[in-house]
C-alpha atoms as a PDB file:
ATOM      1  CA  MET A   1     106.388 121.037 115.987  1.00  0.00           C
ATOM      2  CA  ARG A   2     105.096 117.487 116.450  1.00  0.00           C
ATOM      3  CA  LEU A   3     102.546 116.533 113.797  1.00  0.00           C
ATOM      4  CA  ASN A   4     101.744 112.866 114.487  1.00  0.00           C
ATOM      5  CA  THR A   5     102.566 110.087 116.918  1.00  0.00           C
ATOM      6  CA  PHE A   6     102.157 106.389 116.132  1.00  0.00           C
ATOM      7  CA  VAL A   7     102.561 103.451 118.499  1.00  0.00           C
ATOM      8  CA  HIS A   8     103.833 100.536 116.408  1.00  0.00           C
ATOM      9  CA  ILE A   9     103.172  97.027 117.755  1.00  0.00           C
ATOM     10  CA  SER A  10     103.663  93.630 116.139  1.00  0.00           C
ATOM     11  CA  ASP A  11     103.556  89.879 116.736  1.00  0.00           C
ATOM     12  CA  ILE A  12     101.195  90.057 119.694  1.00  0.00           C
ATOM     13  CA  HIS A  13     100.327  86.349 119.127  1.00  0.00           C
ATOM     14  CA  PHE A  14      97.019  85.963 120.948  1.00  0.00           C
ATOM     15  CA  SER A  15      96.391  82.367 121.968  1.00  0.00           C
ATOM     16  CA  ASP A  16      93.556  80.372 123.503  1.00  0.00           C
ATOM     17  CA  SER A  17      93.927  78.852 126.961  1.00  0.00           C
ATOM     18  CA  ASN A  18      94.329  75.252 125.812  1.00  0.00           C
ATOM     19  CA  ASN A  19      98.064  75.249 125.132  1.00  0.00           C
ATOM     20  CA  ASP A  20      99.784  71.989 125.969  1.00  0.00           C
ATOM     21  CA  SER A  21     102.486  72.682 128.577  1.00  0.00           C
ATOM     22  CA  LYS A  22     104.931  70.101 127.198  1.00  0.00           C
ATOM     23  CA  ALA A  23     104.610  71.571 123.719  1.00  0.00           C
ATOM     24  CA  LEU A  24     105.201  75.066 125.099  1.00  0.00           C
ATOM     25  CA  ILE A  25     108.500  73.953 126.610  1.00  0.00           C
ATOM     26  CA  LEU A  26     109.528  72.698 123.168  1.00  0.00           C
ATOM     27  CA  TYR A  27     108.532  75.996 121.539  1.00  0.00           C
ATOM     28  CA  ALA A  28     110.527  77.917 124.163  1.00  0.00           C
ATOM     29  CA  ALA A  29     113.570  75.747 123.474  1.00  0.00           C
ATOM     30  CA  LEU A  30     113.512  76.270 119.702  1.00  0.00           C
ATOM     31  CA  PRO A  31     113.772  79.936 118.658  1.00  0.00           C
ATOM     32  CA  LYS A  32     112.243  79.324 115.215  1.00  0.00           C
ATOM     33  CA  LEU A  33     109.062  78.062 116.900  1.00  0.00           C
ATOM     34  CA  ASP A  34     108.678  80.659 119.618  1.00  0.00           C
ATOM     35  CA  GLY A  35     105.749  82.231 117.766  1.00  0.00           C
ATOM     36  CA  PHE A  36     103.697  79.289 119.046  1.00  0.00           C
ATOM     37  CA  LEU A  37     104.196  80.367 122.667  1.00  0.00           C
ATOM     38  CA  GLY A  38     101.198  82.678 122.565  1.00  0.00           C
ATOM     39  CA  HIS A  39     100.588  85.911 124.428  1.00  0.00           C
ATOM     40  CA  SER A  40     101.579  87.118 127.871  1.00  0.00           C
ATOM     41  CA  TYR A  41      98.729  88.541 129.954  1.00  0.00           C
ATOM     42  CA  GLN A  42     101.262  90.650 131.843  1.00  0.00           C
ATOM     43  CA  SER A  43     102.429  92.210 128.575  1.00  0.00           C
ATOM     44  CA  LEU A  44      98.846  92.888 127.458  1.00  0.00           C
ATOM     45  CA  THR A  45      98.229  94.760 130.708  1.00  0.00           C
ATOM     46  CA  MET A  46     101.388  96.830 130.295  1.00  0.00           C
ATOM     47  CA  LEU A  47     100.574  97.639 126.658  1.00  0.00           C
ATOM     48  CA  ASP A  48      97.092  98.776 127.705  1.00  0.00           C
ATOM     49  CA  GLU A  49      98.586 101.214 130.210  1.00  0.00           C
ATOM     50  CA  PHE A  50     101.283 102.454 127.827  1.00  0.00           C
ATOM     51  CA  PHE A  51      98.940 103.073 124.894  1.00  0.00           C
ATOM     52  CA  ALA A  52      96.343 104.824 127.040  1.00  0.00           C
ATOM     53  CA  ASP A  53      99.049 107.149 128.332  1.00  0.00           C
ATOM     54  CA  MET A  54     100.288 107.902 124.794  1.00  0.00           C
ATOM     55  CA  VAL A  55      96.747 108.660 123.614  1.00  0.00           C
ATOM     56  CA  ASP A  56      96.237 111.067 126.516  1.00  0.00           C
ATOM     57  CA  LYS A  57      99.562 112.838 126.059  1.00  0.00           C
ATOM     58  CA  GLU A  58     100.048 112.835 122.279  1.00  0.00           C
ATOM     59  CA  GLU A  59      96.795 111.591 120.708  1.00  0.00           C
ATOM     60  CA  ALA A  60      98.772 108.597 119.460  1.00  0.00           C
ATOM     61  CA  GLU A  61      97.398 106.297 116.787  1.00  0.00           C
ATOM     62  CA  LEU A  62      98.042 102.576 116.386  1.00  0.00           C
ATOM     63  CA  ILE A  63     100.005 100.604 113.772  1.00  0.00           C
ATOM     64  CA  VAL A  64      99.863  96.776 113.807  1.00  0.00           C
ATOM     65  CA  THR A  65     102.251  94.894 111.502  1.00  0.00           C
ATOM     66  CA  GLY A  66     100.838  91.376 111.698  1.00  0.00           C
ATOM     67  CA  ASP A  67     100.750  88.107 113.616  1.00  0.00           C
ATOM     68  CA  ILE A  68      97.922  89.064 115.930  1.00  0.00           C
ATOM     69  CA  THR A  69      97.299  85.340 116.586  1.00  0.00           C
ATOM     70  CA  ARG A  70      99.306  82.278 117.567  1.00  0.00           C
ATOM     71  CA  VAL A  71      97.897  79.798 115.030  1.00  0.00           C
ATOM     72  CA  GLY A  72      95.054  81.673 113.323  1.00  0.00           C
ATOM     73  CA  ALA A  73      92.274  80.083 115.396  1.00  0.00           C
ATOM     74  CA  VAL A  74      88.863  81.775 115.323  1.00  0.00           C
ATOM     75  CA  LEU A  75      88.932  82.257 119.105  1.00  0.00           C
ATOM     76  CA  GLU A  76      92.376  83.876 118.878  1.00  0.00           C
ATOM     77  CA  PHE A  77      91.132  86.340 116.262  1.00  0.00           C
ATOM     78  CA  ASP A  78      88.096  87.082 118.438  1.00  0.00           C
ATOM     79  CA  MET A  79      90.302  87.808 121.448  1.00  0.00           C
ATOM     80  CA  ALA A  80      92.703  89.960 119.425  1.00  0.00           C
ATOM     81  CA  ARG A  81      89.894  92.030 117.912  1.00  0.00           C
ATOM     82  CA  THR A  82      88.261  92.496 121.294  1.00  0.00           C
ATOM     83  CA  TYR A  83      91.507  93.582 122.955  1.00  0.00           C
ATOM     84  CA  LEU A  84      92.487  95.977 120.181  1.00  0.00           C
ATOM     85  CA  GLU A  85      89.040  97.473 119.608  1.00  0.00           C
ATOM     86  CA  ARG A  86      87.433  97.311 123.059  1.00  0.00           C
ATOM     87  CA  GLU A  87      88.513  95.402 126.182  1.00  0.00           C
ATOM     88  CA  LEU A  88      88.748  91.811 127.366  1.00  0.00           C
ATOM     89  CA  VAL A  89      86.319  90.887 130.121  1.00  0.00           C
ATOM     90  CA  PRO A  90      86.437  87.886 132.488  1.00  0.00           C
ATOM     91  CA  PRO A  91      87.309  85.091 131.998  1.00  0.00           C
ATOM     92  CA  GLN A  92      89.517  86.233 129.065  1.00  0.00           C
ATOM     93  CA  GLY A  93      90.860  89.305 130.809  1.00  0.00           C
ATOM     94  CA  TYR A  94      90.156  91.721 133.614  1.00  0.00           C
ATOM     95  CA  PHE A  95      88.942  94.726 131.584  1.00  0.00           C
ATOM     96  CA  ILE A  96      92.130  95.335 129.631  1.00  0.00           C
ATOM     97  CA  GLY A  97      92.236  96.538 126.040  1.00  0.00           C
ATOM     98  CA  LEU A  98      93.466  99.315 123.773  1.00  0.00           C
ATOM     99  CA  ARG A  99      89.935 100.598 122.962  1.00  0.00           C
ATOM    100  CA  GLU A 100      91.085 101.717 119.511  1.00  0.00           C
ATOM    101  CA  SER A 101      87.893 101.556 117.448  1.00  0.00           C
ATOM    102  CA  ASN A 102      89.700 102.205 114.154  1.00  0.00           C
ATOM    103  CA  TRP A 103      92.699  99.901 114.766  1.00  0.00           C
ATOM    104  CA  LEU A 104      92.169  98.203 111.381  1.00  0.00           C
ATOM    105  CA  THR A 105      93.003 101.448 109.582  1.00  0.00           C
ATOM    106  CA  ARG A 106      96.726 100.681 109.833  1.00  0.00           C
ATOM    107  CA  ALA A 107      96.762  96.931 110.510  1.00  0.00           C
ATOM    108  CA  ILE A 108      97.861  93.964 108.401  1.00  0.00           C
ATOM    109  CA  PRO A 109      97.948  90.177 108.949  1.00  0.00           C
ATOM    110  CA  GLY A 110     101.082  88.069 109.360  1.00  0.00           C
ATOM    111  CA  ASN A 111     102.035  84.508 108.474  1.00  0.00           C
ATOM    112  CA  HIS A 112     100.705  83.052 111.757  1.00  0.00           C
ATOM    113  CA  ASP A 113      97.327  84.576 110.967  1.00  0.00           C
ATOM    114  CA  HIS A 114      97.162  82.317 107.883  1.00  0.00           C
ATOM    115  CA  TYR A 115      97.606  79.085 109.889  1.00  0.00           C
ATOM    116  CA  PRO A 116      94.751  76.522 110.110  1.00  0.00           C
ATOM    117  CA  GLY A 117      93.886  77.053 113.780  1.00  0.00           C
ATOM    118  CA  ILE A 118      96.346  74.498 115.165  1.00  0.00           C
ATOM    119  CA  PRO A 119     100.170  74.584 115.480  1.00  0.00           C
ATOM    120  CA  MET A 120     100.567  72.892 112.083  1.00  0.00           C
ATOM    121  CA  LEU A 121     101.645  74.400 108.777  1.00  0.00           C
ATOM    122  CA  ILE A 122      99.373  72.210 106.654  1.00  0.00           C
ATOM    123  CA  GLY A 123      96.041  73.702 105.671  1.00  0.00           C
ATOM    124  CA  GLY A 124      94.540  77.039 104.778  1.00  0.00           C
ATOM    125  CA  PRO A 125      93.460  79.847 107.110  1.00  0.00           C
ATOM    126  CA  THR A 126      90.352  79.691 109.274  1.00  0.00           C
ATOM    127  CA  GLY A 127      87.369  81.968 108.843  1.00  0.00           C
ATOM    128  CA  GLY A 128      88.862  84.204 111.514  1.00  0.00           C
ATOM    129  CA  LEU A 129      91.256  85.765 108.997  1.00  0.00           C
ATOM    130  CA  ALA A 130      88.511  86.993 106.648  1.00  0.00           C
ATOM    131  CA  ALA A 131      86.320  88.031 109.585  1.00  0.00           C
ATOM    132  CA  THR A 132      89.104  90.162 111.025  1.00  0.00           C
ATOM    133  CA  PHE A 133      90.453  91.684 107.805  1.00  0.00           C
ATOM    134  CA  PRO A 134      87.248  92.111 105.734  1.00  0.00           C
ATOM    135  CA  ASN A 135      86.688  95.169 103.558  1.00  0.00           C
ATOM    136  CA  PRO A 136      88.533  97.054 102.325  1.00  0.00           C
ATOM    137  CA  LYS A 137      90.624  94.061 101.388  1.00  0.00           C
ATOM    138  CA  LEU A 138      94.379  94.367 101.115  1.00  0.00           C
ATOM    139  CA  PRO A 139      96.184  96.022  99.575  1.00  0.00           C
ATOM    140  CA  ARG A 140      94.766  99.399 100.503  1.00  0.00           C
ATOM    141  CA  VAL A 141      95.817 103.027 100.667  1.00  0.00           C
ATOM    142  CA  VAL A 142      95.167 105.281 103.666  1.00  0.00           C
ATOM    143  CA  THR A 143      95.948 108.985 103.228  1.00  0.00           C
ATOM    144  CA  SER A 144      95.750 111.689 105.859  1.00  0.00           C
ATOM    145  CA  ASP A 145      96.584 115.396 105.988  1.00  0.00           C
ATOM    146  CA  LEU A 146      99.663 116.096 108.089  1.00  0.00           C
ATOM    147  CA  GLY A 147      98.332 119.552 108.843  1.00  0.00           C
ATOM    148  CA  SER A 148     101.581 121.179 107.835  1.00  0.00           C
ATOM    149  CA  GLU A 149     101.671 123.324 104.699  1.00  0.00           C
ATOM    150  CA  GLY A 150      99.906 120.775 102.512  1.00  0.00           C
ATOM    151  CA  HIS A 151     101.959 117.716 103.441  1.00  0.00           C
ATOM    152  CA  GLU A 152     100.202 114.347 103.217  1.00  0.00           C
ATOM    153  CA  LEU A 153     101.016 111.032 104.853  1.00  0.00           C
ATOM    154  CA  THR A 154     100.019 107.960 102.825  1.00  0.00           C
ATOM    155  CA  PHE A 155     100.085 104.475 104.338  1.00  0.00           C
ATOM    156  CA  LEU A 156     100.215 101.572 101.883  1.00  0.00           C
ATOM    157  CA  LEU A 157      99.178  98.257 103.453  1.00  0.00           C
ATOM    158  CA  ILE A 158      99.878  94.838 101.917  1.00  0.00           C
ATOM    159  CA  ASN A 159      99.640  91.170 102.892  1.00  0.00           C
ATOM    160  CA  THR A 160     103.063  89.589 102.459  1.00  0.00           C
ATOM    161  CA  ASP A 161     101.609  86.063 102.764  1.00  0.00           C
ATOM    162  CA  ALA A 162      99.150  86.603  99.909  1.00  0.00           C
ATOM    163  CA  ASP A 163     101.027  84.352  97.438  1.00  0.00           C
ATOM    164  CA  VAL A 164     102.083  81.602  99.879  1.00  0.00           C
ATOM    165  CA  PRO A 165     100.164  78.358  99.228  1.00  0.00           C
ATOM    166  CA  ALA A 166      99.129  76.131 102.129  1.00  0.00           C
ATOM    167  CA  LEU A 167     101.582  73.429 101.030  1.00  0.00           C
ATOM    168  CA  HIS A 168     104.775  75.127  99.911  1.00  0.00           C
ATOM    169  CA  PRO A 169     108.380  75.516 101.142  1.00  0.00           C
ATOM    170  CA  ASN A 170     107.700  79.212 101.744  1.00  0.00           C
ATOM    171  CA  ARG A 171     105.053  78.281 104.314  1.00  0.00           C
ATOM    172  CA  PHE A 172     107.385  75.965 106.218  1.00  0.00           C
ATOM    173  CA  ALA A 173     110.248  78.491 106.117  1.00  0.00           C
ATOM    174  CA  ALA A 174     107.942  81.428 107.023  1.00  0.00           C
ATOM    175  CA  ARG A 175     109.010  83.263 103.869  1.00  0.00           C
ATOM    176  CA  GLY A 176     106.854  85.997 102.388  1.00  0.00           C
ATOM    177  CA  SER A 177     105.602  86.016  98.802  1.00  0.00           C
ATOM    178  CA  PHE A 178     103.492  88.922  97.588  1.00  0.00           C
ATOM    179  CA  VAL A 179     104.130  90.008  93.986  1.00  0.00           C
ATOM    180  CA  SER A 180     100.368  90.011  93.339  1.00  0.00           C
ATOM    181  CA  GLN A 181      99.872  92.506  96.192  1.00  0.00           C
ATOM    182  CA  ILE A 182     102.288  94.987  94.628  1.00  0.00           C
ATOM    183  CA  ASP A 183     100.630  94.539  91.241  1.00  0.00           C
ATOM    184  CA  LYS A 184      97.254  95.399  92.786  1.00  0.00           C
ATOM    185  CA  LEU A 185      98.673  98.261  94.810  1.00  0.00           C
ATOM    186  CA  GLU A 186     100.149  99.887  91.730  1.00  0.00           C
ATOM    187  CA  LYS A 187      96.656 100.120  90.229  1.00  0.00           C
ATOM    188  CA  GLN A 188      95.529 102.153  93.251  1.00  0.00           C
ATOM    189  CA  LEU A 189      98.423 104.606  93.124  1.00  0.00           C
ATOM    190  CA  GLY A 190      98.890 107.589  90.925  1.00  0.00           C
ATOM    191  CA  LYS A 191     101.882 109.825  90.547  1.00  0.00           C
ATOM    192  CA  LYS A 192     103.354 110.860  93.868  1.00  0.00           C
ATOM    193  CA  ARG A 193     102.229 114.352  94.850  1.00  0.00           C
ATOM    194  CA  PRO A 194     104.923 116.953  95.616  1.00  0.00           C
ATOM    195  CA  LYS A 195     104.329 116.958  99.401  1.00  0.00           C
ATOM    196  CA  GLU A 196     103.170 113.371  99.782  1.00  0.00           C
ATOM    197  CA  ILE A 197     105.133 111.010 102.061  1.00  0.00           C
ATOM    198  CA  ARG A 198     104.565 107.297 101.442  1.00  0.00           C
ATOM    199  CA  ILE A 199     104.870 104.631 104.160  1.00  0.00           C
ATOM    200  CA  LEU A 200     104.629 100.907 103.320  1.00  0.00           C
ATOM    201  CA  CYS A 201     103.322  98.542 106.033  1.00  0.00           C
ATOM    202  CA  LEU A 202     104.263  94.879 105.545  1.00  0.00           C
ATOM    203  CA  HIS A 203     104.786  91.956 107.882  1.00  0.00           C
ATOM    204  CA  HIS A 204     108.006  90.518 106.432  1.00  0.00           C
ATOM    205  CA  SER A 205     111.184  92.525 106.813  1.00  0.00           C
ATOM    206  CA  ARG A 206     113.147  93.429 103.695  1.00  0.00           C
ATOM    207  CA  ALA A 207     116.280  93.699 105.850  1.00  0.00           C
ATOM    208  CA  GLN A 208     116.064  90.016 106.783  1.00  0.00           C
ATOM    209  CA  ARG A 209     118.261  87.608 104.788  1.00  0.00           C
ATOM    210  CA  GLY A 210     118.733  83.885 105.219  1.00  0.00           C
ATOM    211  CA  PRO A 211     117.063  80.542 104.474  1.00  0.00           C
ATOM    212  CA  MET A 212     114.120  81.300 106.783  1.00  0.00           C
ATOM    213  CA  LEU A 213     111.837  84.250 107.602  1.00  0.00           C
ATOM    214  CA  GLU A 214     112.863  86.383 104.609  1.00  0.00           C
ATOM    215  CA  MET A 215     110.986  87.374 101.425  1.00  0.00           C
ATOM    216  CA  ASP A 216     111.303  85.151  98.400  1.00  0.00           C
ATOM    217  CA  GLN A 217     113.540  86.574  95.686  1.00  0.00           C
ATOM    218  CA  SER A 218     110.793  87.515  93.235  1.00  0.00           C
ATOM    219  CA  SER A 219     109.007  89.541  95.925  1.00  0.00           C
ATOM    220  CA  ARG A 220     112.235  91.184  97.055  1.00  0.00           C
ATOM    221  CA  ASP A 221     113.086  92.254  93.503  1.00  0.00           C
ATOM    222  CA  ARG A 222     109.568  93.499  92.839  1.00  0.00           C
ATOM    223  CA  LEU A 223     109.613  95.443  96.092  1.00  0.00           C
ATOM    224  CA  SER A 224     112.948  97.094  95.259  1.00  0.00           C
ATOM    225  CA  ASN A 225     111.621  98.452  91.978  1.00  0.00           C
ATOM    226  CA  PHE A 226     108.347  99.485  93.629  1.00  0.00           C
ATOM    227  CA  ILE A 227     110.183 101.494  96.314  1.00  0.00           C
ATOM    228  CA  LEU A 228     112.107 103.344  93.628  1.00  0.00           C
ATOM    229  CA  GLU A 229     109.247 103.952  91.214  1.00  0.00           C
ATOM    230  CA  TYR A 230     106.706 105.072  93.781  1.00  0.00           C
ATOM    231  CA  GLY A 231     108.978 106.951  96.169  1.00  0.00           C
ATOM    232  CA  ILE A 232     108.537 104.918  99.349  1.00  0.00           C
ATOM    233  CA  ALA A 233     110.200 106.683 102.284  1.00  0.00           C
ATOM    234  CA  VAL A 234     109.600 104.234 105.158  1.00  0.00           C
ATOM    235  CA  LEU A 235     108.924 100.503 105.550  1.00  0.00           C
ATOM    236  CA  LEU A 236     107.191  99.392 108.762  1.00  0.00           C
ATOM    237  CA  SER A 237     107.535  95.667 109.441  1.00  0.00           C
ATOM    238  CA  GLY A 238     107.550  92.924 112.080  1.00  0.00           C
ATOM    239  CA  HIS A 239     107.985  89.131 111.859  1.00  0.00           C
ATOM    240  CA  ILE A 240     111.607  88.941 113.098  1.00  0.00           C
ATOM    241  CA  HIS A 241     111.025  88.568 116.804  1.00  0.00           C
ATOM    242  CA  GLU A 242     114.388  89.942 117.830  1.00  0.00           C
ATOM    243  CA  PRO A 243     116.110  92.217 117.621  1.00  0.00           C
ATOM    244  CA  PRO A 244     113.977  95.193 116.594  1.00  0.00           C
ATOM    245  CA  LEU A 245     115.537  97.359 113.916  1.00  0.00           C
ATOM    246  CA  VAL A 246     115.456 100.978 112.771  1.00  0.00           C
ATOM    247  CA  ARG A 247     117.971 101.410 109.980  1.00  0.00           C
ATOM    248  CA  MET A 248     118.542 103.105 106.657  1.00  0.00           C
ATOM    249  CA  GLU A 249     118.449 100.646 103.758  1.00  0.00           C
ATOM    250  CA  THR A 250     119.009 100.962 100.011  1.00  0.00           C
ATOM    251  CA  ALA A 251     116.765  99.786  97.183  1.00  0.00           C
ATOM    252  CA  VAL A 252     118.535  99.102  93.871  1.00  0.00           C
ATOM    253  CA  ASN A 253     116.828  98.743  90.518  1.00  0.00           C
ATOM    254  CA  THR A 254     117.030  95.106  89.419  1.00  0.00           C
ATOM    255  CA  GLU A 255     117.805  96.013  85.804  1.00  0.00           C
ATOM    256  CA  ASP A 256     120.039  99.048  86.307  1.00  0.00           C
ATOM    257  CA  ASP A 257     122.164  99.145  89.440  1.00  0.00           C
ATOM    258  CA  THR A 258     122.987 102.811  88.850  1.00  0.00           C
ATOM    259  CA  VAL A 259     119.414 103.600  89.913  1.00  0.00           C
ATOM    260  CA  PHE A 260     118.994 103.377  93.693  1.00  0.00           C
ATOM    261  CA  ALA A 261     117.519 105.218  96.662  1.00  0.00           C
ATOM    262  CA  ASP A 262     117.644 105.077 100.449  1.00  0.00           C
ATOM    263  CA  TYR A 263     114.654 104.474 102.704  1.00  0.00           C
ATOM    264  CA  LEU A 264     114.106 103.793 106.397  1.00  0.00           C
ATOM    265  CA  GLU A 265     112.996 100.377 107.653  1.00  0.00           C
ATOM    266  CA  ALA A 266     111.508 100.313 111.166  1.00  0.00           C
ATOM    267  CA  ARG A 267     110.972  96.729 112.312  1.00  0.00           C
ATOM    268  CA  CYS A 268     109.104  96.039 115.522  1.00  0.00           C
ATOM    269  CA  GLY A 269     109.866  92.971 117.635  1.00  0.00           C
ATOM    270  CA  THR A 270     107.267  90.985 119.544  1.00  0.00           C
ATOM    271  CA  THR A 271     105.130  93.220 121.731  1.00  0.00           C
ATOM    272  CA  THR A 272     103.042  90.903 123.918  1.00  0.00           C
ATOM    273  CA  GLN A 273     104.394  87.417 123.233  1.00  0.00           C
ATOM    274  CA  ARG A 274     105.149  85.013 126.056  1.00  0.00           C
ATOM    275  CA  ASN A 275     108.919  84.531 126.201  1.00  0.00           C
ATOM    276  CA  LEU A 276     111.601  83.392 128.627  1.00  0.00           C
ATOM    277  CA  PHE A 277     110.787  86.360 130.843  1.00  0.00           C
ATOM    278  CA  HIS A 278     107.268  85.013 131.409  1.00  0.00           C
ATOM    279  CA  ILE A 279     107.513  81.218 131.482  1.00  0.00           C
ATOM    280  CA  PRO A 280     107.485  79.299 134.789  1.00  0.00           C
ATOM    281  CA  TYR A 281     110.710  79.005 136.744  1.00  0.00           C
ATOM    282  CA  TYR A 282     110.927  75.220 136.361  1.00  0.00           C
ATOM    283  CA  TRP A 283     110.855  75.681 132.573  1.00  0.00           C
ATOM    284  CA  ARG A 284     113.797  78.062 132.784  1.00  0.00           C
ATOM    285  CA  ARG A 285     115.720  75.567 134.910  1.00  0.00           C
ATOM    286  CA  MET A 286     115.014  72.814 132.391  1.00  0.00           C
ATOM    287  CA  LEU A 287     116.075  74.967 129.447  1.00  0.00           C
ATOM    288  CA  HIS A 288     119.209  76.030 131.306  1.00  0.00           C
ATOM    289  CA  ASN A 289     120.092  72.379 131.955  1.00  0.00           C
ATOM    290  CA  LEU A 290     119.758  71.801 128.217  1.00  0.00           C
ATOM    291  CA  HIS A 291     122.203  74.682 127.632  1.00  0.00           C
ATOM    292  CA  ILE A 292     119.591  76.651 125.719  1.00  0.00           C
ATOM    293  CA  LYS A 293     119.905  80.408 126.019  1.00  0.00           C
ATOM    294  CA  LYS A 294     117.672  83.186 124.786  1.00  0.00           C
ATOM    295  CA  ARG A 295     119.191  84.736 121.688  1.00  0.00           C
ATOM    296  CA  GLY A 296     119.599  88.401 122.543  1.00  0.00           C
ATOM    297  CA  HIS A 297     118.053  88.750 125.985  1.00  0.00           C
ATOM    298  CA  TRP A 298     115.309  90.852 124.447  1.00  0.00           C
ATOM    299  CA  SER A 299     112.076  91.424 126.285  1.00  0.00           C
ATOM    300  CA  ASN A 300     108.944  92.430 124.378  1.00  0.00           C
ATOM    301  CA  THR A 301     109.254  95.749 122.565  1.00  0.00           C
ATOM    302  CA  LEU A 302     107.327  98.382 120.678  1.00  0.00           C
ATOM    303  CA  LEU A 303     108.254 101.422 118.617  1.00  0.00           C
ATOM    304  CA  VAL A 304     106.967 104.966 118.913  1.00  0.00           C
ATOM    305  CA  HIS A 305     107.200 106.954 115.688  1.00  0.00           C
ATOM    306  CA  ARG A 306     106.899 110.736 115.833  1.00  0.00           C
ATOM    307  CA  ILE A 307     106.603 112.992 112.808  1.00  0.00           C
ATOM    308  CA  SER A 308     107.504 116.623 113.272  1.00  0.00           C
ATOM    309  CA  ARG A 309     108.273 119.766 111.300  1.00  0.00           C
ATOM    310  CA  GLU A 310     111.624 121.428 111.825  1.00  0.00           C
ATOM    311  CA  ASP A 311     112.736 124.465 109.791  1.00  0.00           C
ATOM    312  CA  GLY A 312     110.401 123.508 106.957  1.00  0.00           C
ATOM    313  CA  ALA A 313     111.540 119.864 106.836  1.00  0.00           C
ATOM    314  CA  ILE A 314     109.462 116.843 107.841  1.00  0.00           C
ATOM    315  CA  ILE A 315     111.341 114.631 110.324  1.00  0.00           C
ATOM    316  CA  TRP A 316     110.637 111.027 111.308  1.00  0.00           C
ATOM    317  CA  GLU A 317     111.968 109.849 114.663  1.00  0.00           C
ATOM    318  CA  SER A 318     111.613 106.376 116.169  1.00  0.00           C
ATOM    319  CA  ASP A 319     112.045 105.446 119.829  1.00  0.00           C
ATOM    320  CA  LEU A 320     112.394 101.895 121.134  1.00  0.00           C
ATOM    321  CA  PHE A 321     110.504 100.868 124.279  1.00  0.00           C
ATOM    322  CA  MET A 322     111.161  97.615 126.113  1.00  0.00           C
ATOM    323  CA  GLU A 323     109.007  95.737 128.594  1.00  0.00           C
ATOM    324  CA  THR A 324     110.225  95.959 132.189  1.00  0.00           C
ATOM    325  CA  PRO A 325     108.594  94.768 135.414  1.00  0.00           C
ATOM    326  CA  GLN A 326     107.168  98.289 135.762  1.00  0.00           C
ATOM    327  CA  GLY A 327     105.846  98.551 132.188  1.00  0.00           C
ATOM    328  CA  PHE A 328     107.134  99.590 128.762  1.00  0.00           C
ATOM    329  CA  ALA A 329     110.057 101.995 129.213  1.00  0.00           C
ATOM    330  CA  PRO A 330     112.678 103.616 126.929  1.00  0.00           C
ATOM    331  CA  ALA A 331     115.346 101.113 125.937  1.00  0.00           C
ATOM    332  CA  PRO A 332     118.758 101.519 127.587  1.00  0.00           C
ATOM    333  CA  PRO A 333     121.569 102.937 125.442  1.00  0.00           C
ATOM    334  CA  THR A 334     123.146  99.523 124.875  1.00  0.00           C
ATOM    335  CA  HIS A 335     119.973  98.454 123.063  1.00  0.00           C
ATOM    336  CA  ARG A 336     119.139 101.762 121.416  1.00  0.00           C
ATOM    337  CA  TYR A 337     122.506 101.908 119.719  1.00  0.00           C
ATOM    338  CA  CYS A 338     121.816  98.709 117.774  1.00  0.00           C
ATOM    339  CA  MET A 339     118.969 100.462 116.018  1.00  0.00           C
ATOM    340  CA  GLY A 340     121.194 102.438 113.695  1.00  0.00           C
ATOM    341  CA  ASN A 341     119.431 105.594 112.456  1.00  0.00           C
ATOM    342  CA  PRO A 342     116.249 106.335 114.380  1.00  0.00           C
ATOM    343  CA  ARG A 343     115.965 109.922 113.041  1.00  0.00           C
ATOM    344  CA  VAL A 344     115.583 110.770 109.337  1.00  0.00           C
ATOM    345  CA  ARG A 345     114.396 113.598 107.120  1.00  0.00           C
ATOM    346  CA  LEU A 346     111.445 112.514 104.991  1.00  0.00           C
ATOM    347  CA  TRP A 347     110.866 115.782 103.128  1.00  0.00           C
ATOM    348  CA  PRO A 348     112.230 117.396 101.122  1.00  0.00           C
ATOM    349  CA  PRO A 349     113.592 114.304  99.370  1.00  0.00           C
ATOM    350  CA  PRO A 350     115.784 112.375  99.236  1.00  0.00           C
ATOM    351  CA  VAL A 351     115.308 110.500 102.531  1.00  0.00           C
ATOM    352  CA  VAL A 352     118.447 110.986 104.632  1.00  0.00           C
ATOM    353  CA  ALA A 353     119.574 110.183 108.167  1.00  0.00           C
ATOM    354  CA  ILE A 354     120.193 113.256 110.294  1.00  0.00           C
END
């Protein structure tokens, strides 16, 4: 019996209409800068149609794991809020939007949302960030009844850029830093209830390792202990534009490596970002002449998470959808297989792939 359906989107990267074309070619050529490309109107239209269909068929709810803007400009935040909550009207859009009045319930900001309104990494966020994510401020806890024999679903939402100063190596390397968020979150949490299932929403991916885009070490260690102590079953993330990921991971206690537990990380790729599938043909020719290739040939993606009850157990299942010329469609097997374990048992514990 299906209990809940969630459409998980991320890195939608709304942008204003004043993007410099020469700069966009540069951003397309350098994968680490492709977040500056902005949104694709075609993708916004397809997401509108897909989400409306999921609401009609399964009463789906929305999850947004950050980077709703290109550079954190006030106009970008305004457009993102309008699209998510209502609909864009001319000249910004021809009546497209998700019309999800409570989209902020399960939404968090990303690193691009902390930028100063221009494609520069120097300076603090604009007023658009506070206007979009007002009260309750992050971190916050959102609990709902699963409607199945007393089971509860608790979403924990944090800002993984909370401890990143405007001028710091973590800002330039797009690394997350958020120990203070976990400290505050702990004060809001009590002991885990017997039938409570806890889901942590964060922009940065714990599965990511490397000199860029990862969490700093202090945040990673703090998060590992937090997952173990507070019984986190699922991490929902974004930030790494490709590939998307649904995989079992292990958290190990930083002081005692005999204490560990598995959890599921579901990482969404970009959902409505302009990419090499959307840029003008002459750009593609130029990039091809420079021997620059797209990393994994990934189009925009989203995840659909379904929670169901089977023989008394609570099951989480994730499906990957990719943008096609006809709209968002189930990913082909060659892409689905890279996701690892899209189906896990959340309750009774421990969390296990099935």
